[in-house]
C-alpha atoms as a PDB file:
ATOM      1  CA  MET A   1       0.000   0.000   0.000  1.00  0.00           C
ATOM      2  CA  VAL A   2       2.842   2.373   0.876  1.00  0.00           C
ATOM      3  CA  GLY A   3       4.515   1.522  -2.438  1.00  0.00           C
ATOM      4  CA  ASN A   4       1.333   2.334  -4.352  1.00  0.00           C
ATOM      5  CA  ASN A   5       0.973   5.666  -2.554  1.00  0.00           C
ATOM      6  CA  LEU A   6       4.596   6.504  -3.280  1.00  0.00           C
ATOM      7  CA  ASN A   7       4.103   5.649  -6.942  1.00  0.00           C
ATOM      8  CA  LEU A   8       1.008   7.850  -7.021  1.00  0.00           C
ATOM      9  CA  GLN A   9       2.859  10.749  -5.410  1.00  0.00           C
ATOM     10  CA  GLU A  10       5.678  10.390  -7.910  1.00  0.00           C
ATOM     11  CA  LYS A  11       3.208  10.524 -10.790  1.00  0.00           C
ATOM     12  CA  LEU A  12       1.482  13.570  -9.344  1.00  0.00           C
ATOM     13  CA  ALA A  13       4.845  15.283  -8.907  1.00  0.00           C
ATOM     14  CA  GLU A  14       5.826  14.403 -12.493  1.00  0.00           C
ATOM     15  CA  LEU A  15       2.527  15.745 -13.807  1.00  0.00           C
ATOM     16  CA  ALA A  16       2.983  18.965 -11.812  1.00  0.00           C
ATOM     17  CA  ARG A  17       6.503  19.334 -13.228  1.00  0.00           C
ATOM     18  CA  LEU A  18       5.294  18.800 -16.791  1.00  0.00           C
ATOM     19  CA  ARG A  19       2.450  21.286 -16.364  1.00  0.00           C
ATOM     20  CA  GLU A  20       4.907  23.872 -15.065  1.00  0.00           C
ATOM     21  CA  GLU A  21       7.254  23.152 -17.961  1.00  0.00           C
ATOM     22  CA  PHE A  22       4.353  23.517 -20.384  1.00  0.00           C
ATOM     23  CA  LEU A  23       3.494  26.902 -18.904  1.00  0.00           C
ATOM     24  CA  GLN A  24       7.097  28.063 -19.252  1.00  0.00           C
ATOM     25  CA  LEU A  25       7.316  26.840 -22.851  1.00  0.00           C
ATOM     26  CA  PHE A  26       4.000  28.424 -23.744  1.00  0.00           C
ATOM     27  CA  ASN A  27       5.065  31.681 -22.131  1.00  0.00           C
ATOM     28  CA  LYS A  28       8.227  31.590 -24.216  1.00  0.00           C
ATOM     29  CA  TYR A  29       6.128  30.913 -27.313  1.00  0.00           C
ATOM     30  CA  GLU A  30       3.924  33.922 -26.551  1.00  0.00           C
ATOM     31  CA  ASP A  31       6.967  36.095 -25.840  1.00  0.00           C
ATOM     32  CA  ILE A  32       8.531  35.131 -29.184  1.00  0.00           C
ATOM     33  CA  SER A  33       5.216  35.688 -30.969  1.00  0.00           C
ATOM     34  CA  LYS A  34       4.828  39.037 -29.287  1.00  0.00           C
ATOM     35  CA  GLU A  35       8.355  40.049 -30.261  1.00  0.00           C
ATOM     36  CA  ASN A  36       7.702  38.813 -33.799  1.00  0.00           C
ATOM     37  CA  PHE A  37       4.644  41.043 -33.945  1.00  0.00           C
ATOM     38  CA  ALA A  38       6.755  44.034 -32.935  1.00  0.00           C
ATOM     39  CA  LEU A  39       9.572  43.072 -35.328  1.00  0.00           C
ATOM     40  CA  PHE A  40       7.157  42.611 -38.229  1.00  0.00           C
ATOM     41  CA  ASN A  41       5.683  46.055 -37.668  1.00  0.00           C
ATOM     42  CA  ARG A  42       9.118  47.566 -37.302  1.00  0.00           C
ATOM     43  CA  TYR A  43      10.177  45.893 -40.560  1.00  0.00           C
ATOM     44  CA  ASN A  44       7.116  47.336 -42.289  1.00  0.00           C
ATOM     45  CA  LEU A  45       7.802  50.802 -40.939  1.00  0.00           C
ATOM     46  CA  LEU A  46      11.252  50.639 -42.503  1.00  0.00           C
ATOM     47  CA  PHE A  47      10.461  48.938 -45.800  1.00  0.00           C
ATOM     48  CA  GLY A  48       6.693  48.609 -46.148  1.00  0.00           C
ATOM     49  CA  GLU A  49       6.077  51.594 -48.403  1.00  0.00           C
ATOM     50  CA  LYS A  50       8.794  50.523 -50.821  1.00  0.00           C
ATOM     51  CA  TYR A  51       7.561  46.911 -50.837  1.00  0.00           C
ATOM     52  CA  TYR A  52       4.097  48.223 -51.636  1.00  0.00           C
ATOM     53  CA  GLU A  53       5.376  50.461 -54.435  1.00  0.00           C
ATOM     54  CA  ARG A  54       7.470  47.644 -55.900  1.00  0.00           C
ATOM     55  CA  TYR A  55       4.564  45.223 -55.839  1.00  0.00           C
ATOM     56  CA  LEU A  56       2.182  47.820 -57.312  1.00  0.00           C
ATOM     57  CA  LEU A  57       4.546  48.367 -60.246  1.00  0.00           C
ATOM     58  CA  PHE A  58       4.946  44.605 -60.650  1.00  0.00           C
ATOM     59  CA  CYS A  59       1.154  44.162 -60.789  1.00  0.00           C
ATOM     60  CA  GLU A  60       0.775  46.952 -63.331  1.00  0.00           C
ATOM     61  CA  ALA A  61       3.556  45.524 -65.506  1.00  0.00           C
ATOM     62  CA  GLU A  62       2.169  41.991 -65.399  1.00  0.00           C
ATOM     63  CA  ARG A  63      -1.330  43.231 -66.198  1.00  0.00           C
ATOM     64  CA  LEU A  64      -0.048  45.232 -69.178  1.00  0.00           C
ATOM     65  CA  ARG A  65       1.987  42.262 -70.374  1.00  0.00           C
ATOM     66  CA  ARG A  66      -1.100  40.067 -70.262  1.00  0.00           C
ATOM     67  CA  LYS A  67      -3.229  42.756 -71.936  1.00  0.00           C
ATOM     68  CA  ILE A  68      -0.769  42.883 -74.825  1.00  0.00           C
ATOM     69  CA  GLU A  69      -1.041  39.082 -75.193  1.00  0.00           C
ATOM     70  CA  LEU A  70      -4.828  39.253 -75.302  1.00  0.00           C
ATOM     71  CA  TYR A  71      -4.825  42.148 -77.781  1.00  0.00           C
ATOM     72  CA  GLN A  72      -2.400  40.223 -79.955  1.00  0.00           C
ATOM     73  CA  PHE A  73      -4.746  37.238 -79.868  1.00  0.00           C
ATOM     74  CA  PHE A  74      -7.507  39.319 -81.514  1.00  0.00           C
ATOM     75  CA  ILE A  75      -5.081  40.866 -84.007  1.00  0.00           C
ATOM     76  CA  ASN A  76      -3.740  37.454 -85.070  1.00  0.00           C
ATOM     77  CA  ARG A  77      -7.298  36.319 -85.770  1.00  0.00           C
ATOM     78  CA  GLY A  78      -8.027  39.458 -87.755  1.00  0.00           C
ATOM     79  CA  GLU A  79     -10.732  40.474 -85.299  1.00  0.00           C
ATOM     80  CA  GLU A  80     -11.552  43.753 -83.637  1.00  0.00           C
ATOM     81  CA  ILE A  81     -10.198  43.925 -80.103  1.00  0.00           C
ATOM     82  CA  ASP A  82     -12.969  43.386 -77.550  1.00  0.00           C
ATOM     83  CA  LYS A  83     -11.639  45.645 -74.811  1.00  0.00           C
ATOM     84  CA  GLY A  84     -14.515  44.895 -72.453  1.00  0.00           C
ATOM     85  CA  TYR A  85     -13.811  41.169 -72.680  1.00  0.00           C
ATOM     86  CA  VAL A  86     -10.080  41.783 -72.139  1.00  0.00           C
ATOM     87  CA  GLU A  87     -10.701  43.806 -68.979  1.00  0.00           C
ATOM     88  CA  THR A  88     -13.048  41.118 -67.627  1.00  0.00           C
ATOM     89  CA  VAL A  89     -10.383  38.468 -68.184  1.00  0.00           C
ATOM     90  CA  LEU A  90      -7.702  40.632 -66.583  1.00  0.00           C
ATOM     91  CA  ASP A  91      -9.870  41.382 -63.532  1.00  0.00           C
ATOM     92  CA  ALA A  92     -10.412  37.647 -63.000  1.00  0.00           C
ATOM     93  CA  GLU A  93      -6.802  36.624 -63.577  1.00  0.00           C
ATOM     94  CA  PHE A  94      -5.280  39.342 -61.412  1.00  0.00           C
ATOM     95  CA  ARG A  95      -7.714  39.181 -58.505  1.00  0.00           C
ATOM     96  CA  GLU A  96      -5.208  37.387 -56.268  1.00  0.00           C
ATOM     97  CA  LEU A  97      -2.479  39.925 -57.020  1.00  0.00           C
ATOM     98  CA  GLU A  98      -4.872  42.768 -56.197  1.00  0.00           C
ATOM     99  CA  GLU A  99      -5.807  41.076 -52.922  1.00  0.00           C
ATOM    100  CA  ARG A 100      -2.135  40.702 -52.032  1.00  0.00           C
ATOM    101  CA  LEU A 101      -1.663  44.391 -52.784  1.00  0.00           C
ATOM    102  CA  GLU A 102      -4.476  45.216 -50.369  1.00  0.00           C
ATOM    103  CA  VAL A 103      -2.832  43.065 -47.695  1.00  0.00           C
ATOM    104  CA  LEU A 104       0.447  44.952 -48.087  1.00  0.00           C
ATOM    105  CA  LEU A 105      -1.397  48.246 -47.719  1.00  0.00           C
ATOM    106  CA  GLU A 106      -3.195  47.013 -44.594  1.00  0.00           C
ATOM    107  CA  GLU A 107       0.103  45.817 -43.103  1.00  0.00           C
ATOM    108  CA  ASN A 108       1.656  49.238 -43.682  1.00  0.00           C
ATOM    109  CA  GLN A 109      -1.294  50.945 -42.026  1.00  0.00           C
ATOM    110  CA  ALA A 110      -1.159  48.504 -39.103  1.00  0.00           C
ATOM    111  CA  ALA A 111       2.553  49.227 -38.639  1.00  0.00           C
ATOM    112  CA  ARG A 112       1.857  52.946 -38.407  1.00  0.00           C
ATOM    113  CA  GLU A 113      -0.874  52.301 -35.856  1.00  0.00           C
ATOM    114  CA  PHE A 114       1.457  50.023 -33.882  1.00  0.00           C
ATOM    115  CA  GLU A 115       4.034  52.812 -33.764  1.00  0.00           C
ATOM    116  CA  LYS A 116       1.488  54.964 -31.917  1.00  0.00           C
ATOM    117  CA  LEU A 117       1.037  52.445 -29.086  1.00  0.00           C
ATOM    118  CA  PRO A 118       2.418  53.683 -25.740  1.00  0.00           C
ATOM    119  CA  PHE A 119       5.664  52.227 -24.388  1.00  0.00           C
ATOM    120  CA  LEU A 120       5.513  50.594 -20.965  1.00  0.00           C
ATOM    121  CA  THR A 121       7.873  51.375 -18.115  1.00  0.00           C
ATOM    122  CA  GLN A 122       9.877  48.531 -16.549  1.00  0.00           C
ATOM    123  CA  GLU A 123       7.438  48.378 -13.670  1.00  0.00           C
ATOM    124  CA  GLU A 124       4.468  48.259 -16.032  1.00  0.00           C
ATOM    125  CA  THR A 125       6.157  45.528 -18.066  1.00  0.00           C
ATOM    126  CA  ARG A 126       6.688  43.424 -14.928  1.00  0.00           C
ATOM    127  CA  ASP A 127       3.044  43.968 -14.013  1.00  0.00           C
ATOM    128  CA  LEU A 128       1.994  42.900 -17.498  1.00  0.00           C
ATOM    129  CA  GLU A 129       4.040  39.688 -17.231  1.00  0.00           C
ATOM    130  CA  ARG A 130       2.761  38.912 -13.737  1.00  0.00           C
ATOM    131  CA  ILE A 131      -0.901  39.272 -14.647  1.00  0.00           C
ATOM    132  CA  TYR A 132      -0.505  37.341 -17.883  1.00  0.00           C
ATOM    133  CA  LEU A 133       1.238  34.407 -16.173  1.00  0.00           C
ATOM    134  CA  LYS A 134      -1.338  34.382 -13.383  1.00  0.00           C
ATOM    135  CA  ILE A 135      -4.195  34.111 -15.881  1.00  0.00           C
ATOM    136  CA  ALA A 136      -2.371  31.604 -18.102  1.00  0.00           C
ATOM    137  CA  GLU A 137      -1.670  29.339 -15.142  1.00  0.00           C
ATOM    138  CA  ARG A 138      -5.339  29.216 -14.218  1.00  0.00           C
ATOM    139  CA  ILE A 139      -7.293  29.176 -17.508  1.00  0.00           C
ATOM    140  CA  HIS A 140      -4.936  28.102 -20.307  1.00  0.00           C
ATOM    141  CA  PRO A 141      -6.991  25.630 -22.398  1.00  0.00           C
ATOM    142  CA  ASP A 142      -4.348  22.902 -22.131  1.00  0.00           C
ATOM    143  CA  LEU A 143      -4.236  23.279 -18.361  1.00  0.00           C
ATOM    144  CA  THR A 144      -7.972  23.618 -17.835  1.00  0.00           C
ATOM    145  CA  PRO A 145     -10.171  20.588 -18.631  1.00  0.00           C
ATOM    146  CA  ASP A 146     -13.417  22.545 -18.128  1.00  0.00           C
ATOM    147  CA  PHE A 147     -12.506  25.231 -20.665  1.00  0.00           C
ATOM    148  CA  ASP A 148     -15.958  26.695 -21.235  1.00  0.00           C
ATOM    149  CA  GLU A 149     -17.096  29.647 -23.360  1.00  0.00           C
ATOM    150  CA  ARG A 150     -16.587  32.156 -20.548  1.00  0.00           C
ATOM    151  CA  LYS A 151     -12.975  31.063 -20.044  1.00  0.00           C
ATOM    152  CA  LYS A 152     -12.422  31.080 -23.808  1.00  0.00           C
ATOM    153  CA  GLU A 153     -13.575  34.702 -24.101  1.00  0.00           C
ATOM    154  CA  LEU A 154     -11.374  35.757 -21.181  1.00  0.00           C
ATOM    155  CA  TRP A 155      -8.380  33.852 -22.589  1.00  0.00           C
ATOM    156  CA  ILE A 156      -8.664  35.453 -26.039  1.00  0.00           C
ATOM    157  CA  LYS A 157      -9.042  38.886 -24.447  1.00  0.00           C
ATOM    158  CA  THR A 158      -5.948  38.183 -22.313  1.00  0.00           C
ATOM    159  CA  LEU A 159      -3.830  37.091 -25.288  1.00  0.00           C
ATOM    160  CA  ASN A 160      -4.771  40.148 -27.335  1.00  0.00           C
ATOM    161  CA  ALA A 161      -4.068  42.529 -24.437  1.00  0.00           C
ATOM    162  CA  TYR A 162      -0.688  40.911 -23.768  1.00  0.00           C
ATOM    163  CA  LYS A 163       0.254  41.070 -27.440  1.00  0.00           C
ATOM    164  CA  LEU A 164      -0.533  44.792 -27.597  1.00  0.00           C
ATOM    165  CA  ASN A 165       1.016  45.675 -24.194  1.00  0.00           C
ATOM    166  CA  ASP A 166      -2.452  46.788 -23.121  1.00  0.00           C
ATOM    167  CA  LEU A 167      -1.952  46.792 -19.355  1.00  0.00           C
ATOM    168  CA  GLU A 168      -5.342  48.338 -18.530  1.00  0.00           C
ATOM    169  CA  THR A 169      -7.257  45.663 -20.439  1.00  0.00           C
ATOM    170  CA  LEU A 170      -5.095  42.976 -18.861  1.00  0.00           C
ATOM    171  CA  LYS A 171      -5.981  44.339 -15.422  1.00  0.00           C
ATOM    172  CA  GLU A 172      -9.638  44.039 -16.414  1.00  0.00           C
ATOM    173  CA  CYS A 173      -8.994  40.395 -17.317  1.00  0.00           C
ATOM    174  CA  GLU A 174      -7.372  39.824 -13.928  1.00  0.00           C
ATOM    175  CA  ALA A 175     -10.427  41.321 -12.212  1.00  0.00           C
ATOM    176  CA  GLN A 176     -12.688  38.928 -14.149  1.00  0.00           C
ATOM    177  CA  LEU A 177     -10.571  35.870 -13.357  1.00  0.00           C
ATOM    178  CA  ASP A 178     -12.062  34.845 -10.007  1.00  0.00           C
ATOM    179  CA  LYS A 179     -15.598  35.092 -11.325  1.00  0.00           C
ATOM    180  CA  CYS A 180     -14.619  33.010 -14.307  1.00  0.00           C
ATOM    181  CA  LEU A 181     -13.270  30.306 -11.960  1.00  0.00           C
ATOM    182  CA  GLU A 182     -16.342  30.065  -9.738  1.00  0.00           C
ATOM    183  CA  GLY A 183     -17.331  26.499  -8.903  1.00  0.00           C
ATOM    184  CA  LYS A 184     -15.769  23.426  -7.352  1.00  0.00           C
ATOM    185  CA  PRO A 185     -12.094  22.848  -8.097  1.00  0.00           C
ATOM    186  CA  ARG A 186     -11.412  19.830 -10.242  1.00  0.00           C
ATOM    187  CA  ARG A 187      -9.915  16.813  -8.457  1.00  0.00           C
ATOM    188  CA  PRO A 188      -7.229  14.891 -10.316  1.00  0.00           C
ATOM    189  CA  ASP A 189      -8.362  11.768 -12.145  1.00  0.00           C
ATOM    190  CA  TYR A 190      -5.956   9.227 -10.681  1.00  0.00           C
ATOM    191  CA  GLU A 191      -6.907   6.602 -13.248  1.00  0.00           C
ATOM    192  CA  LYS A 192      -5.743   8.828 -16.083  1.00  0.00           C
ATOM    193  CA  LEU A 193      -2.478  10.079 -14.602  1.00  0.00           C
ATOM    194  CA  ASP A 194      -0.308   8.087 -17.013  1.00  0.00           C
ATOM    195  CA  GLU A 195      -2.371   9.348 -19.936  1.00  0.00           C
ATOM    196  CA  GLU A 196      -2.073  12.972 -18.785  1.00  0.00           C
ATOM    197  CA  ILE A 197       1.673  12.637 -18.245  1.00  0.00           C
ATOM    198  CA  GLU A 198       2.196  11.311 -21.768  1.00  0.00           C
ATOM    199  CA  ALA A 199      -0.075  13.990 -23.211  1.00  0.00           C
ATOM    200  CA  PHE A 200       1.933  16.765 -21.561  1.00  0.00           C
ATOM    201  CA  LYS A 201       5.205  15.222 -22.691  1.00  0.00           C
ATOM    202  CA  ALA A 202       3.911  15.346 -26.266  1.00  0.00           C
ATOM    203  CA  LYS A 203       2.630  18.919 -25.877  1.00  0.00           C
ATOM    204  CA  ASN A 204       5.936  20.100 -24.429  1.00  0.00           C
ATOM    205  CA  SER A 205       7.897  18.461 -27.205  1.00  0.00           C
ATOM    206  CA  LEU A 206       5.662  20.126 -29.786  1.00  0.00           C
ATOM    207  CA  LEU A 207       6.053  23.536 -28.129  1.00  0.00           C
ATOM    208  CA  ARG A 208       9.831  23.232 -27.953  1.00  0.00           C
ATOM    209  CA  GLU A 209       9.937  22.492 -31.685  1.00  0.00           C
ATOM    210  CA  ARG A 210       7.502  25.311 -32.452  1.00  0.00           C
ATOM    211  CA  ASN A 211       9.637  27.777 -30.486  1.00  0.00           C
ATOM    212  CA  ARG A 212      12.764  26.629 -32.282  1.00  0.00           C
ATOM    213  CA  LYS A 213      11.155  27.131 -35.707  1.00  0.00           C
ATOM    214  CA  LEU A 214       9.807  30.554 -34.755  1.00  0.00           C
ATOM    215  CA  MET A 215      13.272  31.722 -33.740  1.00  0.00           C
ATOM    216  CA  GLN A 216      14.723  30.496 -37.042  1.00  0.00           C
ATOM    217  CA  SER A 217      12.114  32.118 -39.282  1.00  0.00           C
ATOM    218  CA  PHE A 218      11.092  35.615 -40.366  1.00  0.00           C
ATOM    219  CA  PRO A 219      10.849  38.092 -38.755  1.00  0.00           C
ATOM    220  CA  TYR A 220      12.726  36.777 -35.698  1.00  0.00           C
ATOM    221  CA  ASN A 221      15.759  35.846 -37.801  1.00  0.00           C
ATOM    222  CA  HIS A 222      15.963  39.522 -38.860  1.00  0.00           C
ATOM    223  CA  LYS A 223      16.074  40.752 -35.276  1.00  0.00           C
ATOM    224  CA  ASN A 224      19.768  41.685 -35.287  1.00  0.00           C
ATOM    225  CA  LEU A 225      19.646  42.992 -38.856  1.00  0.00           C
ATOM    226  CA  LEU A 226      17.016  45.558 -37.899  1.00  0.00           C
ATOM    227  CA  ASP A 227      19.579  47.049 -35.522  1.00  0.00           C
ATOM    228  CA  ASP A 228      22.205  47.253 -38.285  1.00  0.00           C
ATOM    229  CA  PRO A 229      22.116  50.683 -40.028  1.00  0.00           C
ATOM    230  CA  GLU A 230      24.295  49.453 -42.903  1.00  0.00           C
ATOM    231  CA  TRP A 231      22.034  46.495 -43.620  1.00  0.00           C
ATOM    232  CA  ILE A 232      18.972  48.763 -43.546  1.00  0.00           C
ATOM    233  CA  LYS A 233      20.664  51.185 -45.937  1.00  0.00           C
ATOM    234  CA  ASP A 234      21.592  48.363 -48.334  1.00  0.00           C
ATOM    235  CA  LYS A 235      18.067  46.908 -48.189  1.00  0.00           C
ATOM    236  CA  LEU A 236      16.516  50.273 -49.045  1.00  0.00           C
ATOM    237  CA  LYS A 237      18.922  50.640 -51.989  1.00  0.00           C
ATOM    238  CA  GLU A 238      17.997  47.157 -53.185  1.00  0.00           C
ATOM    239  CA  LEU A 239      14.304  48.025 -53.128  1.00  0.00           C
ATOM    240  CA  ASP A 240      14.963  51.322 -54.944  1.00  0.00           C
ATOM    241  CA  ARG A 241      16.821  49.434 -57.690  1.00  0.00           C
ATOM    242  CA  ASP A 242      13.923  47.005 -58.077  1.00  0.00           C
ATOM    243  CA  ILE A 243      11.419  49.874 -58.247  1.00  0.00           C
ATOM    244  CA  GLU A 244      13.431  51.611 -60.954  1.00  0.00           C
ATOM    245  CA  LEU A 245      13.637  48.399 -63.007  1.00  0.00           C
ATOM    246  CA  PHE A 246       9.887  47.898 -62.783  1.00  0.00           C
ATOM    247  CA  ARG A 247       9.287  51.517 -63.835  1.00  0.00           C
ATOM    248  CA  ARG A 248      11.443  51.050 -66.926  1.00  0.00           C
ATOM    249  CA  SER A 249       9.713  47.783 -67.749  1.00  0.00           C
ATOM    250  CA  LEU A 250       6.341  49.467 -67.342  1.00  0.00           C
ATOM    251  CA  GLU A 251       7.284  52.273 -69.717  1.00  0.00           C
ATOM    252  CA  LEU A 252       8.391  49.748 -72.363  1.00  0.00           C
ATOM    253  CA  LEU A 253       5.148  47.817 -72.037  1.00  0.00           C
ATOM    254  CA  ARG A 254       3.078  51.006 -72.268  1.00  0.00           C
ATOM    255  CA  GLY A 255       4.954  51.935 -75.424  1.00  0.00           C
ATOM    256  CA  ARG A 256       4.335  48.485 -76.897  1.00  0.00           C
ATOM    257  CA  LEU A 257       0.639  48.671 -76.072  1.00  0.00           C
ATOM    258  CA  GLN A 258       0.350  52.103 -77.667  1.00  0.00           C
ATOM    259  CA  GLU A 259       1.830  50.664 -80.861  1.00  0.00           C
ATOM    260  CA  ILE A 260      -0.900  48.032 -80.908  1.00  0.00           C
ATOM    261  CA  ASP A 261      -3.654  50.390 -79.791  1.00  0.00           C
ATOM    262  CA  PRO A 262      -2.908  54.056 -80.614  1.00  0.00           C
ATOM    263  CA  SER A 263      -5.980  55.072 -78.581  1.00  0.00           C
ATOM    264  CA  TYR A 264      -4.391  53.687 -75.437  1.00  0.00           C
ATOM    265  CA  GLU A 265      -3.519  56.411 -72.957  1.00  0.00           C
ATOM    266  CA  LYS A 266      -0.619  56.026 -70.599  1.00  0.00           C
ATOM    267  CA  GLU A 267      -2.490  55.476 -67.390  1.00  0.00           C
ATOM    268  CA  ILE A 268      -2.400  53.010 -64.508  1.00  0.00           C
ATOM    269  CA  CYS A 269      -4.172  49.850 -65.562  1.00  0.00           C
END
């Protein structure tokens, strides 16, 4: 009997250790994600406008190139160019490029809005971390079997506030926490301890791998570069060169289209 109790205590201790490790790994994941969010916006503040301009010119050039192909199709058949049909085809074929262009514009606008967010003091940052960890420990979906709709709403609100350094909203979440946890505390299911232990081992392994990949991918892998003035200068020059090349290409295509259709006016397509 003593041996069984000891074995049970060991399993409970192992489960507690794994749950704590999970919380630490998840907190690291959120910290990396949060930093990535800041890095991505910082990257867009530096380069976003030029990326948008480059992609806009690319879209215009590709659309003109395709328009020339379609015009040539009518000419080769000895038919009058159906400009309405051509525009319908182009609108359909270039819808995805236009949507991507809209995304780039939205990202640039979001970066400018992010820049306006207030900076937290060291004390406020510590407070932010404390409240976030307190809430995560008590209602994280992987740590809370009875994760109901009320907890879900509070958890999403907490994540968003933490991501945006919104200390006031996070304090509101903290104030709502006790009410969200009303009811009898859950007793451990001793019959499923082995199953829970294995589940947390798998979750922790997955989180470790996810954190590793995040740190090796964009924008985290540009973290040091964004503090390098020379790299920033070179990147801006690279984008300027691309923009100039697209402008030249666009002018050539406009000239070619005007040869085919003298009524064509040099305007953005």
